[in-house]
Amino acid sequence: MSIQLLTDNNYKKVLYFMDDLSTSDNNFRKDVLLALERFFGYEQMNFWLCDEKDKLYNPVTLNTDESITNDYLNNYMEMDKLMPHKLKNMIPQKRIISLLDLQSKRELENSDFYNCFMKKYGFYNNVGIFLVSGTKVVGLVDFVTEKKDTTITQEEAMCLEILSRYLGQRLDEKIQDKKEIDFLTEREMEVLKLAQQGLSNKEIAKLLFISVNTVKKHVQSLYKKYEVNNRTSLCFKVNKQKTS
């Protein structure tokens, strides 16, 4: 695939996108989603990380309700044909893959994943941008389309193929440097900020309109990500990183 095949307009979009991301630091994944919305018009998106077993985790979302993401994670994730571990033979040759690349419209519409999950939220097709470093999938950006707009154009796919390689390198650099603060979800960042203020789980739950049990889960996730086992150590480590 050659960048010379792009129209002048799409060539500029790719360059502007890269330039826009060149200064992104603490909120890299959110900035990627905002740039995709700004330059390419995609709206409902998720930016996932990929673990050593090629399983997706810790999504950063844009214009996607948290309840939808939780429903997917808890009930439908393993039904999704776009999971990286299911596409090991395809990803090396193609980084932009949609559900309709993997099955016909009839097959999609007859699938449990479509009827139980996609249709429930008004989604039709889902497009994945696989981010690869070396031979390892390090992340995935996916966005949904409605039935009236089921496919992306060849030009769009070419742009995204180019950007997938750029983003794969950028994401891997941040993972290796351990500088990607947005490994925290938006909710985890909110919980962390309130925990640093000395609020209890009950107080945090009341302010964020979530259950105490949900707060506890976020706190445990923060402990794991910062490699600590209590709030004092968590706050100390976060403050130390900010001043280092």
Protein backbone atom coordinates (compact mmCIF):
# COMPACT_ATOMS: atom_id res chain seq x y z
CA MET A 1 0.00 0.00 0.00
CA SER A 2 1.42 3.39 -0.96
CA ILE A 3 0.61 6.77 0.50
CA GLN A 4 0.86 8.24 -3.02
CA LEU A 5 -2.46 6.53 -3.80
CA LEU A 6 -4.27 8.87 -1.41
CA THR A 7 -6.04 11.97 -2.62
CA ASP A 8 -4.54 15.28 -1.57
CA ASN A 9 -7.34 15.75 0.97
CA ASN A 10 -6.80 12.39 2.66
CA TYR A 11 -3.03 12.79 2.51
CA LYS A 12 -3.44 16.05 4.44
CA LYS A 13 -5.75 14.36 6.94
CA VAL A 14 -3.09 11.75 7.68
CA LEU A 15 -0.40 14.41 8.13
CA TYR A 16 -2.61 16.64 10.27
CA PHE A 17 -3.59 13.64 12.39
CA MET A 18 0.06 12.72 13.03
CA ASP A 19 0.97 16.34 13.73
CA ASP A 20 -1.94 16.64 16.15
CA LEU A 21 -0.74 13.58 18.08
CA SER A 22 2.91 14.65 18.13
CA THR A 23 2.49 16.60 21.38
CA SER A 24 0.10 14.20 23.11
CA ASP A 25 1.41 12.98 26.44
CA ASN A 26 -0.73 12.15 29.46
CA ASN A 27 -3.97 11.41 27.59
CA PHE A 28 -2.60 9.74 24.47
CA ARG A 29 -5.41 7.28 23.88
CA LYS A 30 -8.16 9.84 24.43
CA ASP A 31 -6.31 12.25 22.12
CA VAL A 32 -6.20 9.55 19.43
CA LEU A 33 -9.98 9.11 19.61
CA LEU A 34 -10.59 12.84 19.51
CA ALA A 35 -8.32 13.18 16.47
CA LEU A 36 -10.13 10.36 14.66
CA GLU A 37 -13.41 12.13 15.34
CA ARG A 38 -12.04 15.51 14.24
CA PHE A 39 -10.31 14.44 11.03
CA PHE A 40 -12.32 11.39 9.94
CA GLY A 41 -15.73 11.88 11.54
CA TYR A 42 -15.86 8.62 13.51
CA GLU A 43 -17.97 9.00 16.63
CA GLN A 44 -18.52 6.00 18.93
CA MET A 45 -15.08 4.52 19.56
CA ASN A 46 -13.03 2.46 22.00
CA PHE A 47 -9.26 2.30 22.39
CA TRP A 48 -8.23 -1.01 23.98
CA LEU A 49 -4.93 -2.33 25.21
CA CYS A 50 -3.94 -5.92 24.39
CA ASP A 51 -2.28 -8.25 26.89
CA GLU A 52 0.26 -11.02 26.36
CA LYS A 53 -2.53 -13.50 25.54
CA ASP A 54 -3.96 -11.18 22.85
CA LYS A 55 -6.97 -10.37 25.03
CA LEU A 56 -8.40 -6.85 25.14
CA TYR A 57 -8.65 -4.86 28.37
CA ASN A 58 -8.85 -1.35 29.87
CA PRO A 59 -10.79 0.55 27.19
CA VAL A 60 -10.74 4.32 26.81
CA THR A 61 -14.00 5.35 25.15
CA LEU A 62 -15.46 8.27 23.21
CA ASN A 63 -19.21 8.89 22.92
CA THR A 64 -19.88 5.38 24.25
CA ASP A 65 -21.97 4.95 27.38
CA GLU A 66 -20.17 3.12 30.18
CA SER A 67 -23.10 0.71 30.52
CA ILE A 68 -22.60 -0.47 26.92
CA THR A 69 -18.90 -1.13 27.50
CA ASN A 70 -19.67 -3.02 30.71
CA ASP A 71 -22.36 -5.08 28.97
CA TYR A 72 -19.85 -6.01 26.25
CA LEU A 73 -17.10 -6.89 28.72
CA ASN A 74 -19.35 -8.94 31.00
CA ASN A 75 -21.52 -10.75 28.45
CA TYR A 76 -20.44 -10.56 24.82
CA MET A 77 -16.70 -10.07 24.48
CA GLU A 78 -15.88 -13.68 23.67
CA MET A 79 -18.58 -13.74 20.97
CA ASP A 80 -16.86 -10.90 19.07
CA LYS A 81 -15.05 -12.05 15.92
CA LEU A 82 -12.73 -9.01 16.08
CA MET A 83 -10.83 -10.28 19.11
CA PRO A 84 -7.09 -10.24 18.22
CA HIS A 85 -6.47 -13.85 19.28
CA LYS A 86 -9.06 -14.96 16.70
CA LEU A 87 -7.35 -13.11 13.83
CA LYS A 88 -3.69 -14.05 14.24
CA ASN A 89 -3.38 -15.22 10.63
CA MET A 90 -5.14 -12.19 9.17
CA ILE A 91 -3.64 -9.25 11.07
CA PRO A 92 -0.10 -9.48 9.61
CA GLN A 93 -1.53 -8.78 6.13
CA LYS A 94 -4.38 -6.46 7.08
CA ARG A 95 -4.68 -4.07 9.99
CA ILE A 96 -8.15 -2.68 9.22
CA ILE A 97 -10.77 -5.41 9.67
CA SER A 98 -14.53 -5.16 10.07
CA LEU A 99 -17.18 -7.70 11.01
CA LEU A 100 -18.36 -7.62 7.40
CA ASP A 101 -14.87 -8.61 6.24
CA LEU A 102 -15.30 -11.80 8.24
CA GLN A 103 -18.85 -12.73 7.29
CA SER A 104 -21.67 -11.82 4.93
CA LYS A 105 -24.48 -9.46 5.93
CA ARG A 106 -26.81 -12.45 6.25
CA GLU A 107 -24.36 -14.28 8.51
CA LEU A 108 -23.90 -11.16 10.61
CA GLU A 109 -27.64 -10.58 10.96
CA ASN A 110 -28.17 -14.22 11.98
CA SER A 111 -25.40 -14.19 14.59
CA ASP A 112 -26.05 -14.12 18.33
CA PHE A 113 -23.49 -11.31 18.72
CA TYR A 114 -25.48 -9.07 16.39
CA ASN A 115 -28.94 -9.94 17.67
CA CYS A 116 -28.12 -9.97 21.37
CA PHE A 117 -25.62 -7.09 21.53
CA MET A 118 -25.14 -4.97 18.40
CA LYS A 119 -28.82 -4.65 17.48
CA LYS A 120 -29.76 -3.77 21.05
CA TYR A 121 -27.73 -0.56 20.85
CA GLY A 122 -28.46 0.34 17.24
CA PHE A 123 -25.07 -0.85 15.92
CA TYR A 124 -24.58 -2.73 12.67
CA ASN A 125 -20.97 -3.06 11.62
CA ASN A 126 -17.85 -2.74 13.74
CA VAL A 127 -14.44 -1.75 12.33
CA GLY A 128 -11.19 -2.57 14.10
CA ILE A 129 -7.87 -0.73 13.70
CA PHE A 130 -5.26 -3.21 14.96
CA LEU A 131 -2.11 -1.65 16.37
CA VAL A 132 0.95 -3.86 15.99
CA SER A 133 4.53 -3.53 17.16
CA GLY A 134 6.82 -6.14 15.64
CA THR A 135 4.63 -9.22 15.61
CA LYS A 136 2.61 -8.32 18.72
CA VAL A 137 -0.80 -6.66 18.77
CA VAL A 138 -0.47 -3.94 21.43
CA GLY A 139 -3.83 -2.24 21.02
CA LEU A 140 -7.07 -1.93 19.10
CA VAL A 141 -9.19 1.05 18.16
CA ASP A 142 -12.70 0.10 17.10
CA PHE A 143 -15.69 2.12 15.98
CA VAL A 144 -19.26 1.16 15.15
CA THR A 145 -21.41 2.15 12.20
CA GLU A 146 -25.14 2.12 11.67
CA LYS A 147 -26.81 0.04 8.95
CA LYS A 148 -27.12 3.01 6.60
CA ASP A 149 -23.34 3.38 6.68
CA THR A 150 -22.04 -0.18 6.94
CA THR A 151 -18.68 0.13 5.25
CA ILE A 152 -15.76 2.51 5.05
CA THR A 153 -14.38 3.56 1.68
CA GLN A 154 -11.17 2.22 0.19
CA GLU A 155 -9.60 5.65 0.71
CA GLU A 156 -10.56 5.64 4.39
CA ALA A 157 -9.18 2.14 4.81
CA MET A 158 -5.88 3.23 3.24
CA CYS A 159 -5.64 6.19 5.61
CA LEU A 160 -6.30 3.95 8.60
CA GLU A 161 -3.79 1.33 7.43
CA ILE A 162 -1.11 4.03 7.47
CA LEU A 163 -2.23 5.43 10.82
CA SER A 164 -2.39 1.96 12.38
CA ARG A 165 1.36 1.58 11.86
CA TYR A 166 2.08 5.03 13.27
CA LEU A 167 -0.15 4.46 16.30
CA GLY A 168 1.24 0.99 16.93
CA GLN A 169 4.75 2.43 17.27
CA ARG A 170 3.59 5.34 19.43
CA LEU A 171 1.60 3.11 21.78
CA ASP A 172 4.44 0.61 22.15
CA GLU A 173 6.85 3.43 23.01
CA LYS A 174 4.54 4.61 25.77
CA ILE A 175 4.11 1.08 27.10
CA GLN A 176 7.86 0.48 27.13
CA ASP A 177 8.59 3.83 28.77
CA LYS A 178 5.80 3.28 31.31
CA LYS A 179 4.69 6.86 30.68
CA GLU A 180 1.18 6.24 29.44
CA ILE A 181 -0.75 7.65 32.37
CA ASP A 182 -3.99 7.01 30.52
CA PHE A 183 -3.56 3.31 31.17
CA LEU A 184 -6.10 4.39 33.74
CA THR A 185 -9.67 4.54 32.58
CA GLU A 186 -11.55 7.82 32.93
CA ARG A 187 -13.43 6.44 35.92
CA GLU A 188 -10.21 5.26 37.57
CA MET A 189 -8.74 8.74 37.16
CA GLU A 190 -11.83 10.21 38.83
CA VAL A 191 -11.61 7.73 41.71
CA LEU A 192 -7.87 8.35 42.08
CA LYS A 193 -8.34 12.12 42.24
CA LEU A 194 -10.96 11.80 45.01
CA ALA A 195 -8.94 9.18 46.89
CA GLN A 196 -5.99 11.59 46.92
CA GLN A 197 -8.29 14.11 48.59
CA GLY A 198 -8.82 11.64 51.42
CA LEU A 199 -12.42 10.68 50.60
CA SER A 200 -13.74 7.29 51.68
CA ASN A 201 -15.17 4.71 49.28
CA LYS A 202 -18.68 5.66 50.40
CA GLU A 203 -18.05 9.37 49.79
CA ILE A 204 -16.53 8.66 46.35
CA ALA A 205 -19.50 6.47 45.41
CA LYS A 206 -21.94 9.22 46.35
CA LEU A 207 -20.10 11.87 44.32
CA LEU A 208 -19.74 9.67 41.22
CA PHE A 209 -23.23 8.12 41.47
CA ILE A 210 -21.86 4.57 41.51
CA SER A 211 -21.99 1.77 44.08
CA VAL A 212 -19.45 1.35 46.87
CA ASN A 213 -18.61 -2.08 45.43
CA THR A 214 -17.78 -0.47 42.07
CA VAL A 215 -15.50 2.03 43.82
CA LYS A 216 -13.72 -0.85 45.57
CA LYS A 217 -13.13 -2.55 42.21
CA HIS A 218 -11.62 0.64 40.78
CA VAL A 219 -9.41 1.08 43.85
CA GLN A 220 -8.16 -2.52 43.57
CA SER A 221 -7.42 -1.91 39.89
CA LEU A 222 -5.42 1.21 40.84
CA TYR A 223 -3.44 -0.81 43.39
CA LYS A 224 -2.59 -3.36 40.72
CA LYS A 225 -1.56 -0.80 38.10
CA TYR A 226 0.60 1.18 40.52
CA GLU A 227 1.94 -1.99 42.18
CA VAL A 228 0.89 -0.99 45.71
CA ASN A 229 -1.42 -2.53 48.32
CA ASN A 230 -2.89 0.44 50.21
CA ARG A 231 -4.07 4.02 49.72
CA THR A 232 -1.12 5.64 51.44
CA SER A 233 1.34 3.92 49.10
CA LEU A 234 -0.89 4.70 46.13
CA CYS A 235 -1.02 8.44 46.84
CA PHE A 236 2.70 8.54 47.59
CA LYS A 237 3.61 6.81 44.33
CA VAL A 238 1.28 8.99 42.24
CA ASN A 239 2.69 12.19 43.76
CA LYS A 240 6.25 10.94 43.30
CA GLN A 241 5.62 10.28 39.59
CA LYS A 242 4.23 13.79 39.15
CA THR A 243 7.38 15.36 40.59
CA SER A 244 9.91 13.05 38.91
